[in-house]
Amino acid sequence: MSETVKNNRTLYTMLEMAKIAGTSKSTVYRTIKEKHIKPTKHKGQSNLYDEAVLKLIISKIEEDSVSHDPVQRISIEALQKQLETKDKQIDQLNEQLRMAQINLSQSQQLQLQQAKKIRELESPEENQDIQKKPESIKKPTSKDVSDDTKTKKKDSWWRRLFS
C-alpha cells in the first residue's frame, strides 16, 4: 500500500510501481539500479520511492517498448505473411482432398456398376447351363451299362468294399 509523507507526497514500493506501470518487479528493480536511484524512505525491509521515480519508471518502460517496436512490427509482419502463405496452402490441400473424395466416390460407383454387370452376365450362363444339362443327360444304353460293369470288375475288392 502506498504511504503518504508529511508534505502530502505519496510513496510507493517497487511492487506497487510495477503494478501501476504494468510491468514486473524485476524490471522496476533493474531500472532503479541502472539510474542509481536512492529510495526516499525505508520502512522495515521495503524501500519507498516518490512519484518522480514512478514517472521515471513509466517513461523508461515506454521508451523501451518504442525502441523495440520496429523490430516487433517487422516480426509481426513476417509472421502474418507466413500465416497467409500457410492459409493458402491449407486451402489448396483442402481442395485436393475434396477432389480426391469425389474421385473415390466415382471409383466406388464404377466398381459397383461393374460388379452388377458381372453378376448379370454370370447369371444367364448359369441358366443356360441348367438348360443344357437336361439335353446332355442321355438314357443309359446297354453299352454304357456294360462299360460300367467292366470298370467295377477292374476295381479292387477294397474299392468295392468302401464304395
N, C-alpha and C. Protein backbone atom coordinates (compact mmCIF):
# COMPACT_ATOMS: atom_id res chain seq x y z
N MET A 1 0.84 -1.18 0.00
CA MET A 1 0.00 0.00 0.00
C MET A 1 0.89 1.25 0.00
N SER A 2 0.48 2.19 -0.80
CA SER A 2 1.27 3.43 -0.85
C SER A 2 1.13 4.19 0.47
N GLU A 3 2.17 4.93 0.75
CA GLU A 3 2.20 5.66 2.02
C GLU A 3 2.33 7.15 1.73
N THR A 4 1.73 7.97 2.58
CA THR A 4 1.79 9.41 2.40
C THR A 4 2.70 9.99 3.48
N VAL A 5 3.59 10.87 3.05
CA VAL A 5 4.53 11.53 3.97
C VAL A 5 3.92 12.86 4.41
N LYS A 6 4.56 13.55 5.35
CA LYS A 6 4.06 14.81 5.92
C LYS A 6 3.69 15.84 4.87
N ASN A 7 4.46 16.04 3.85
CA ASN A 7 4.19 17.08 2.87
C ASN A 7 3.34 16.55 1.70
N ASN A 8 2.44 15.58 1.96
CA ASN A 8 1.46 15.04 1.01
C ASN A 8 2.08 14.40 -0.24
N ARG A 9 3.25 13.86 -0.12
CA ARG A 9 3.84 13.11 -1.21
C ARG A 9 3.50 11.64 -1.00
N THR A 10 3.11 10.97 -2.08
CA THR A 10 2.78 9.56 -1.99
C THR A 10 4.04 8.76 -2.29
N LEU A 11 4.30 7.74 -1.47
CA LEU A 11 5.47 6.88 -1.65
C LEU A 11 5.00 5.48 -2.06
N TYR A 12 5.79 4.85 -2.93
CA TYR A 12 5.42 3.55 -3.48
C TYR A 12 6.55 2.54 -3.26
N THR A 13 6.15 1.29 -3.10
CA THR A 13 7.13 0.20 -3.09
C THR A 13 7.40 -0.20 -4.54
N MET A 14 8.42 -1.03 -4.74
CA MET A 14 8.75 -1.48 -6.11
C MET A 14 7.58 -2.30 -6.70
N LEU A 15 6.93 -3.10 -5.88
CA LEU A 15 5.82 -3.91 -6.36
C LEU A 15 4.65 -3.03 -6.78
N GLU A 16 4.36 -2.00 -6.01
CA GLU A 16 3.26 -1.08 -6.36
C GLU A 16 3.57 -0.34 -7.66
N MET A 17 4.83 0.09 -7.80
CA MET A 17 5.20 0.79 -9.04
C MET A 17 5.10 -0.17 -10.24
N ALA A 18 5.45 -1.41 -10.04
CA ALA A 18 5.37 -2.40 -11.12
C ALA A 18 3.92 -2.60 -11.54
N LYS A 19 3.01 -2.70 -10.56
CA LYS A 19 1.58 -2.86 -10.88
C LYS A 19 1.04 -1.64 -11.62
N ILE A 20 1.41 -0.46 -11.17
CA ILE A 20 0.93 0.77 -11.81
C ILE A 20 1.48 0.89 -13.23
N ALA A 21 2.77 0.57 -13.41
CA ALA A 21 3.42 0.69 -14.72
C ALA A 21 3.05 -0.47 -15.64
N GLY A 22 2.50 -1.53 -15.09
CA GLY A 22 2.12 -2.68 -15.91
C GLY A 22 3.31 -3.52 -16.32
N THR A 23 4.24 -3.69 -15.42
CA THR A 23 5.44 -4.46 -15.71
C THR A 23 5.77 -5.34 -14.52
N SER A 24 6.91 -5.98 -14.54
CA SER A 24 7.30 -6.85 -13.42
C SER A 24 8.14 -6.08 -12.40
N LYS A 25 8.22 -6.65 -11.22
CA LYS A 25 9.01 -6.04 -10.15
C LYS A 25 10.49 -6.02 -10.53
N SER A 26 10.94 -7.06 -11.24
CA SER A 26 12.36 -7.12 -11.63
C SER A 26 12.71 -6.02 -12.63
N THR A 27 11.77 -5.65 -13.49
CA THR A 27 12.02 -4.56 -14.44
C THR A 27 12.18 -3.25 -13.69
N VAL A 28 11.32 -3.02 -12.70
CA VAL A 28 11.43 -1.80 -11.88
C VAL A 28 12.76 -1.80 -11.15
N TYR A 29 13.15 -2.93 -10.60
CA TYR A 29 14.41 -3.03 -9.87
C TYR A 29 15.58 -2.73 -10.79
N ARG A 30 15.59 -3.29 -12.01
CA ARG A 30 16.69 -3.03 -12.95
C ARG A 30 16.77 -1.55 -13.32
N THR A 31 15.62 -0.92 -13.52
CA THR A 31 15.60 0.50 -13.89
C THR A 31 16.17 1.35 -12.75
N ILE A 32 15.76 1.04 -11.55
CA ILE A 32 16.26 1.79 -10.38
C ILE A 32 17.76 1.59 -10.25
N LYS A 33 18.23 0.37 -10.47
CA LYS A 33 19.64 0.05 -10.36
C LYS A 33 20.44 0.77 -11.44
N GLU A 34 19.92 0.80 -12.70
CA GLU A 34 20.61 1.48 -13.80
C GLU A 34 20.73 2.98 -13.56
N LYS A 35 19.68 3.57 -13.03
CA LYS A 35 19.64 5.04 -12.83
C LYS A 35 20.26 5.46 -11.49
N HIS A 36 20.66 4.48 -10.72
CA HIS A 36 21.27 4.75 -9.41
C HIS A 36 20.35 5.61 -8.54
N ILE A 37 19.10 5.22 -8.47
CA ILE A 37 18.10 5.98 -7.70
C ILE A 37 18.12 5.47 -6.27
N LYS A 38 18.14 6.41 -5.34
CA LYS A 38 18.11 6.08 -3.91
C LYS A 38 16.66 6.15 -3.43
N PRO A 39 16.28 5.26 -2.52
CA PRO A 39 14.92 5.31 -2.00
C PRO A 39 14.67 6.59 -1.19
N THR A 40 13.43 7.05 -1.24
CA THR A 40 13.05 8.23 -0.50
C THR A 40 12.96 7.91 0.99
N LYS A 41 12.47 6.74 1.31
CA LYS A 41 12.29 6.36 2.70
C LYS A 41 12.40 4.84 2.81
N HIS A 42 12.82 4.37 4.00
CA HIS A 42 12.86 2.94 4.29
C HIS A 42 11.78 2.65 5.31
N LYS A 43 11.01 1.59 5.04
CA LYS A 43 10.01 1.16 6.02
C LYS A 43 10.22 -0.34 6.21
N GLY A 44 10.84 -0.71 7.29
CA GLY A 44 11.18 -2.09 7.51
C GLY A 44 12.20 -2.52 6.47
N GLN A 45 11.89 -3.57 5.75
CA GLN A 45 12.79 -4.03 4.69
C GLN A 45 12.42 -3.43 3.34
N SER A 46 11.33 -2.69 3.25
CA SER A 46 10.87 -2.12 1.98
C SER A 46 11.47 -0.76 1.75
N ASN A 47 11.83 -0.52 0.49
CA ASN A 47 12.28 0.80 0.08
C ASN A 47 11.08 1.52 -0.54
N LEU A 48 10.87 2.74 -0.16
CA LEU A 48 9.76 3.52 -0.69
C LEU A 48 10.30 4.62 -1.60
N TYR A 49 9.61 4.84 -2.73
CA TYR A 49 10.04 5.81 -3.73
C TYR A 49 8.89 6.77 -4.00
N ASP A 50 9.22 8.01 -4.38
CA ASP A 50 8.17 9.02 -4.62
C ASP A 50 7.66 8.95 -6.06
N GLU A 51 6.72 9.84 -6.37
CA GLU A 51 6.06 9.82 -7.68
C GLU A 51 7.01 10.15 -8.82
N ALA A 52 8.04 10.92 -8.56
CA ALA A 52 9.02 11.25 -9.60
C ALA A 52 9.69 9.96 -10.10
N VAL A 53 9.99 9.07 -9.19
CA VAL A 53 10.61 7.80 -9.58
C VAL A 53 9.61 6.97 -10.38
N LEU A 54 8.33 6.99 -9.94
CA LEU A 54 7.29 6.25 -10.67
C LEU A 54 7.18 6.77 -12.10
N LYS A 55 7.18 8.09 -12.28
CA LYS A 55 7.10 8.67 -13.61
C LYS A 55 8.33 8.29 -14.45
N LEU A 56 9.49 8.26 -13.80
CA LEU A 56 10.71 7.87 -14.49
C LEU A 56 10.63 6.40 -14.95
N ILE A 57 10.10 5.55 -14.09
CA ILE A 57 9.95 4.12 -14.42
C ILE A 57 9.00 3.97 -15.61
N ILE A 58 7.86 4.65 -15.56
CA ILE A 58 6.87 4.56 -16.65
C ILE A 58 7.47 5.06 -17.95
N SER A 59 8.20 6.19 -17.91
CA SER A 59 8.79 6.73 -19.15
C SER A 59 9.86 5.78 -19.69
N LYS A 60 10.63 5.16 -18.81
CA LYS A 60 11.67 4.21 -19.24
C LYS A 60 11.03 2.99 -19.92
N ILE A 61 9.92 2.49 -19.36
CA ILE A 61 9.24 1.34 -19.94
C ILE A 61 8.65 1.69 -21.31
N GLU A 62 8.07 2.89 -21.42
CA GLU A 62 7.52 3.33 -22.72
C GLU A 62 8.64 3.50 -23.74
N GLU A 63 9.77 4.04 -23.28
CA GLU A 63 10.91 4.23 -24.17
C GLU A 63 11.43 2.88 -24.68
N ASP A 64 11.50 1.90 -23.80
CA ASP A 64 11.96 0.56 -24.20
C ASP A 64 10.99 -0.08 -25.19
N SER A 65 9.69 0.10 -24.94
CA SER A 65 8.71 -0.51 -25.83
C SER A 65 8.73 0.15 -27.20
N VAL A 66 8.99 1.46 -27.26
CA VAL A 66 9.07 2.15 -28.54
C VAL A 66 10.32 1.72 -29.29
N SER A 67 11.43 1.55 -28.57
CA SER A 67 12.66 1.15 -29.25
C SER A 67 12.56 -0.27 -29.79
N HIS A 68 11.77 -1.13 -29.16
CA HIS A 68 11.57 -2.50 -29.64
C HIS A 68 10.46 -2.57 -30.67
N ASP A 69 9.69 -1.54 -30.79
CA ASP A 69 8.51 -1.56 -31.67
C ASP A 69 8.86 -1.86 -33.11
N PRO A 70 9.86 -1.22 -33.73
CA PRO A 70 10.16 -1.55 -35.13
C PRO A 70 10.51 -3.02 -35.33
N VAL A 71 11.26 -3.57 -34.43
CA VAL A 71 11.62 -4.98 -34.52
C VAL A 71 10.38 -5.84 -34.39
N GLN A 72 9.54 -5.49 -33.42
CA GLN A 72 8.31 -6.25 -33.22
C GLN A 72 7.40 -6.13 -34.44
N ARG A 73 7.29 -4.93 -34.98
CA ARG A 73 6.43 -4.71 -36.14
C ARG A 73 6.91 -5.54 -37.33
N ILE A 74 8.22 -5.56 -37.56
CA ILE A 74 8.78 -6.35 -38.66
C ILE A 74 8.52 -7.83 -38.42
N SER A 75 8.71 -8.26 -37.18
CA SER A 75 8.47 -9.68 -36.85
C SER A 75 7.00 -10.04 -37.06
N ILE A 76 6.12 -9.16 -36.62
CA ILE A 76 4.69 -9.41 -36.77
C ILE A 76 4.30 -9.48 -38.23
N GLU A 77 4.84 -8.57 -39.04
CA GLU A 77 4.53 -8.58 -40.47
C GLU A 77 5.03 -9.87 -41.13
N ALA A 78 6.23 -10.29 -40.75
CA ALA A 78 6.78 -11.53 -41.32
C ALA A 78 5.91 -12.72 -40.92
N LEU A 79 5.49 -12.74 -39.67
CA LEU A 79 4.64 -13.84 -39.20
C LEU A 79 3.28 -13.82 -39.90
N GLN A 80 2.75 -12.63 -40.13
CA GLN A 80 1.46 -12.53 -40.83
C GLN A 80 1.59 -13.04 -42.27
N LYS A 81 2.69 -12.72 -42.93
CA LYS A 81 2.91 -13.23 -44.29
C LYS A 81 3.00 -14.75 -44.28
N GLN A 82 3.70 -15.28 -43.30
CA GLN A 82 3.80 -16.74 -43.20
C GLN A 82 2.44 -17.37 -42.96
N LEU A 83 1.64 -16.72 -42.12
CA LEU A 83 0.29 -17.24 -41.86
C LEU A 83 -0.56 -17.22 -43.12
N GLU A 84 -0.46 -16.15 -43.89
CA GLU A 84 -1.22 -16.06 -45.15
C GLU A 84 -0.79 -17.17 -46.10
N THR A 85 0.51 -17.40 -46.18
CA THR A 85 1.02 -18.47 -47.04
C THR A 85 0.50 -19.82 -46.58
N LYS A 86 0.54 -20.05 -45.28
CA LYS A 86 0.05 -21.32 -44.73
C LYS A 86 -1.45 -21.47 -44.97
N ASP A 87 -2.20 -20.38 -44.84
CA ASP A 87 -3.64 -20.44 -45.11
C ASP A 87 -3.91 -20.83 -46.56
N LYS A 88 -3.13 -20.27 -47.49
CA LYS A 88 -3.28 -20.63 -48.90
C LYS A 88 -2.97 -22.10 -49.12
N GLN A 89 -1.90 -22.57 -48.47
CA GLN A 89 -1.53 -23.98 -48.60
C GLN A 89 -2.62 -24.89 -48.04
N ILE A 90 -3.18 -24.48 -46.92
CA ILE A 90 -4.27 -25.27 -46.32
C ILE A 90 -5.47 -25.30 -47.25
N ASP A 91 -5.80 -24.16 -47.85
CA ASP A 91 -6.92 -24.12 -48.79
C ASP A 91 -6.66 -25.04 -49.99
N GLN A 92 -5.43 -25.03 -50.50
CA GLN A 92 -5.08 -25.89 -51.63
C GLN A 92 -5.20 -27.37 -51.24
N LEU A 93 -4.71 -27.70 -50.05
CA LEU A 93 -4.79 -29.08 -49.59
C LEU A 93 -6.25 -29.51 -49.38
N ASN A 94 -7.07 -28.60 -48.86
CA ASN A 94 -8.49 -28.92 -48.69
C ASN A 94 -9.16 -29.17 -50.04
N GLU A 95 -8.80 -28.38 -51.04
CA GLU A 95 -9.36 -28.56 -52.38
C GLU A 95 -8.92 -29.90 -52.96
N GLN A 96 -7.63 -30.24 -52.78
CA GLN A 96 -7.14 -31.53 -53.26
C GLN A 96 -7.85 -32.67 -52.56
N LEU A 97 -8.07 -32.52 -51.28
CA LEU A 97 -8.78 -33.56 -50.51
C LEU A 97 -10.21 -33.71 -51.02
N ARG A 98 -10.87 -32.60 -51.30
CA ARG A 98 -12.24 -32.64 -51.81
C ARG A 98 -12.28 -33.36 -53.16
N MET A 99 -11.33 -33.04 -54.03
CA MET A 99 -11.28 -33.70 -55.34
C MET A 99 -10.98 -35.19 -55.20
N ALA A 100 -10.11 -35.54 -54.29
CA ALA A 100 -9.79 -36.96 -54.06
C ALA A 100 -11.01 -37.71 -53.55
N GLN A 101 -11.81 -37.07 -52.70
CA GLN A 101 -13.03 -37.71 -52.20
C GLN A 101 -14.04 -37.90 -53.33
N ILE A 102 -14.14 -36.93 -54.22
CA ILE A 102 -15.04 -37.05 -55.36
C ILE A 102 -14.58 -38.20 -56.25
N ASN A 103 -13.28 -38.26 -56.53
CA ASN A 103 -12.73 -39.34 -57.36
C ASN A 103 -12.96 -40.70 -56.72
N LEU A 104 -12.78 -40.78 -55.42
CA LEU A 104 -13.00 -42.04 -54.71
C LEU A 104 -14.46 -42.46 -54.82
N SER A 105 -15.35 -41.51 -54.66
CA SER A 105 -16.78 -41.82 -54.75
C SER A 105 -17.13 -42.33 -56.15
N GLN A 106 -16.62 -41.66 -57.16
CA GLN A 106 -16.88 -42.09 -58.54
C GLN A 106 -16.30 -43.48 -58.81
N SER A 107 -15.10 -43.72 -58.29
CA SER A 107 -14.47 -45.03 -58.46
C SER A 107 -15.29 -46.12 -57.81
N GLN A 108 -15.80 -45.86 -56.63
CA GLN A 108 -16.62 -46.85 -55.94
C GLN A 108 -17.92 -47.11 -56.72
N GLN A 109 -18.51 -46.07 -57.28
CA GLN A 109 -19.73 -46.25 -58.06
C GLN A 109 -19.45 -47.10 -59.31
N LEU A 110 -18.31 -46.83 -59.96
CA LEU A 110 -17.96 -47.63 -61.14
C LEU A 110 -17.72 -49.09 -60.77
N GLN A 111 -17.07 -49.33 -59.65
CA GLN A 111 -16.82 -50.70 -59.22
C GLN A 111 -18.13 -51.42 -58.93
N LEU A 112 -19.08 -50.71 -58.31
CA LEU A 112 -20.38 -51.32 -58.03
C LEU A 112 -21.11 -51.65 -59.32
N GLN A 113 -21.05 -50.75 -60.29
CA GLN A 113 -21.71 -51.00 -61.57
C GLN A 113 -21.06 -52.19 -62.29
N GLN A 114 -19.73 -52.27 -62.24
CA GLN A 114 -19.04 -53.40 -62.87
C GLN A 114 -19.42 -54.71 -62.20
N ALA A 115 -19.48 -54.70 -60.89
CA ALA A 115 -19.85 -55.93 -60.16
C ALA A 115 -21.26 -56.35 -60.52
N LYS A 116 -22.16 -55.39 -60.65
CA LYS A 116 -23.54 -55.68 -61.01
C LYS A 116 -23.61 -56.28 -62.42
N LYS A 117 -22.87 -55.71 -63.36
CA LYS A 117 -22.86 -56.23 -64.73
C LYS A 117 -22.26 -57.63 -64.77
N ILE A 118 -21.22 -57.86 -63.99
CA ILE A 118 -20.61 -59.19 -63.95
C ILE A 118 -21.62 -60.20 -63.42
N ARG A 119 -22.35 -59.84 -62.37
CA ARG A 119 -23.37 -60.74 -61.84
C ARG A 119 -24.46 -61.02 -62.87
N GLU A 120 -24.84 -59.98 -63.60
CA GLU A 120 -25.87 -60.15 -64.64
C GLU A 120 -25.38 -61.08 -65.74
N LEU A 121 -24.12 -60.92 -66.12
CA LEU A 121 -23.56 -61.76 -67.17
C LEU A 121 -23.38 -63.20 -66.70
N GLU A 122 -23.05 -63.39 -65.45
CA GLU A 122 -22.87 -64.74 -64.93
C GLU A 122 -24.19 -65.46 -64.74
N SER A 123 -25.22 -64.78 -64.35
CA SER A 123 -26.49 -65.44 -64.08
C SER A 123 -27.14 -66.02 -65.34
N PRO A 124 -27.13 -65.41 -66.52
CA PRO A 124 -27.67 -66.07 -67.70
C PRO A 124 -26.89 -67.32 -68.07
N GLU A 125 -25.60 -67.34 -67.88
CA GLU A 125 -24.80 -68.52 -68.17
C GLU A 125 -25.23 -69.68 -67.29
N GLU A 126 -25.51 -69.39 -66.04
CA GLU A 126 -25.98 -70.44 -65.14
C GLU A 126 -27.31 -70.99 -65.64
N ASN A 127 -28.18 -70.10 -66.08
CA ASN A 127 -29.47 -70.53 -66.61
C ASN A 127 -29.27 -71.37 -67.88
N GLN A 128 -28.33 -70.96 -68.71
CA GLN A 128 -28.06 -71.72 -69.93
C GLN A 128 -27.47 -73.08 -69.59
N ASP A 129 -26.60 -73.15 -68.59
CA ASP A 129 -26.02 -74.42 -68.18
C ASP A 129 -27.10 -75.36 -67.67
N ILE A 130 -28.03 -74.82 -66.92
CA ILE A 130 -29.12 -75.65 -66.40
C ILE A 130 -29.97 -76.16 -67.55
N GLN A 131 -30.20 -75.31 -68.54
CA GLN A 131 -30.99 -75.73 -69.69
C GLN A 131 -30.23 -76.77 -70.52
N LYS A 132 -28.93 -76.66 -70.61
CA LYS A 132 -28.15 -77.61 -71.40
C LYS A 132 -28.03 -78.95 -70.72
N LYS A 133 -28.02 -79.02 -69.43
CA LYS A 133 -27.83 -80.27 -68.71
C LYS A 133 -28.92 -81.30 -69.03
N PRO A 134 -30.17 -80.93 -69.03
CA PRO A 134 -31.16 -81.96 -69.37
C PRO A 134 -30.96 -82.52 -70.76
N GLU A 135 -30.49 -81.71 -71.69
CA GLU A 135 -30.26 -82.20 -73.04
C GLU A 135 -29.06 -83.14 -73.07
N SER A 136 -28.06 -82.81 -72.28
CA SER A 136 -26.85 -83.63 -72.32
C SER A 136 -27.02 -84.95 -71.58
N ILE A 137 -28.01 -85.01 -70.71
CA ILE A 137 -28.24 -86.26 -69.99
C ILE A 137 -28.96 -87.22 -70.94
N LYS A 138 -28.33 -88.37 -71.11
CA LYS A 138 -28.89 -89.38 -72.02
C LYS A 138 -29.36 -90.55 -71.19
N LYS A 139 -30.22 -91.30 -71.80
CA LYS A 139 -30.62 -92.54 -71.17
C LYS A 139 -29.49 -93.53 -71.35
N PRO A 140 -29.18 -94.26 -70.30
CA PRO A 140 -28.06 -95.19 -70.44
C PRO A 140 -28.40 -96.30 -71.42
N THR A 141 -27.47 -96.62 -72.23
CA THR A 141 -27.63 -97.70 -73.22
C THR A 141 -26.97 -98.95 -72.66
N SER A 142 -27.18 -100.03 -73.33
CA SER A 142 -26.62 -101.29 -72.86
C SER A 142 -25.09 -101.25 -72.92
N LYS A 143 -24.57 -100.51 -73.88
CA LYS A 143 -23.13 -100.38 -73.99
C LYS A 143 -22.56 -99.66 -72.78
N ASP A 144 -23.26 -98.57 -72.37
CA ASP A 144 -22.82 -97.80 -71.21
C ASP A 144 -22.87 -98.65 -69.95
N VAL A 145 -23.89 -99.45 -69.80
CA VAL A 145 -24.03 -100.31 -68.63
C VAL A 145 -22.92 -101.33 -68.60
N SER A 146 -22.61 -101.91 -69.74
CA SER A 146 -21.55 -102.92 -69.79
C SER A 146 -20.20 -102.29 -69.47
N ASP A 147 -19.99 -101.03 -69.90
CA ASP A 147 -18.74 -100.33 -69.58
C ASP A 147 -18.62 -100.13 -68.08
N ASP A 148 -19.75 -99.81 -67.44
CA ASP A 148 -19.75 -99.60 -66.00
C ASP A 148 -19.42 -100.88 -65.26
N THR A 149 -19.93 -101.96 -65.71
CA THR A 149 -19.65 -103.23 -65.03
C THR A 149 -18.21 -103.65 -65.22
N LYS A 150 -17.65 -103.34 -66.37
CA LYS A 150 -16.26 -103.67 -66.61
C LYS A 150 -15.36 -102.90 -65.66
N THR A 151 -15.70 -101.63 -65.47
CA THR A 151 -14.89 -100.83 -64.57
C THR A 151 -15.04 -101.30 -63.15
N LYS A 152 -16.24 -101.82 -62.83
CA LYS A 152 -16.44 -102.32 -61.48
C LYS A 152 -15.63 -103.57 -61.26
N LYS A 153 -15.51 -104.37 -62.25
CA LYS A 153 -14.74 -105.61 -62.11
C LYS A 153 -13.27 -105.29 -61.94
N LYS A 154 -12.83 -104.26 -62.59
CA LYS A 154 -11.42 -103.89 -62.50
C LYS A 154 -11.07 -103.31 -61.15
N ASP A 155 -12.07 -102.79 -60.43
CA ASP A 155 -11.80 -102.20 -59.12
C ASP A 155 -11.36 -103.28 -58.16
N SER A 156 -10.51 -102.93 -57.26
CA SER A 156 -10.07 -103.88 -56.26
C SER A 156 -11.17 -104.12 -55.25
N TRP A 157 -11.01 -105.18 -54.48
CA TRP A 157 -12.05 -105.51 -53.50
C TRP A 157 -12.15 -104.45 -52.42
N TRP A 158 -11.04 -103.64 -52.19
CA TRP A 158 -11.10 -102.55 -51.21
C TRP A 158 -12.03 -101.45 -51.70
N ARG A 159 -11.93 -101.13 -52.98
CA ARG A 159 -12.81 -100.09 -53.54
C ARG A 159 -14.26 -100.53 -53.49
N ARG A 160 -14.47 -101.79 -53.83
CA ARG A 160 -15.85 -102.26 -53.80
C ARG A 160 -16.40 -102.27 -52.37
N LEU A 161 -15.53 -102.51 -51.44
CA LEU A 161 -15.94 -102.55 -50.05
C LEU A 161 -16.36 -101.16 -49.54
N PHE A 162 -15.62 -100.14 -49.93
CA PHE A 162 -15.89 -98.79 -49.43
C PHE A 162 -16.73 -97.93 -50.35
N SER A 163 -17.12 -98.42 -51.51
CA SER A 163 -17.93 -97.60 -52.40
C SER A 163 -19.40 -97.87 -52.26
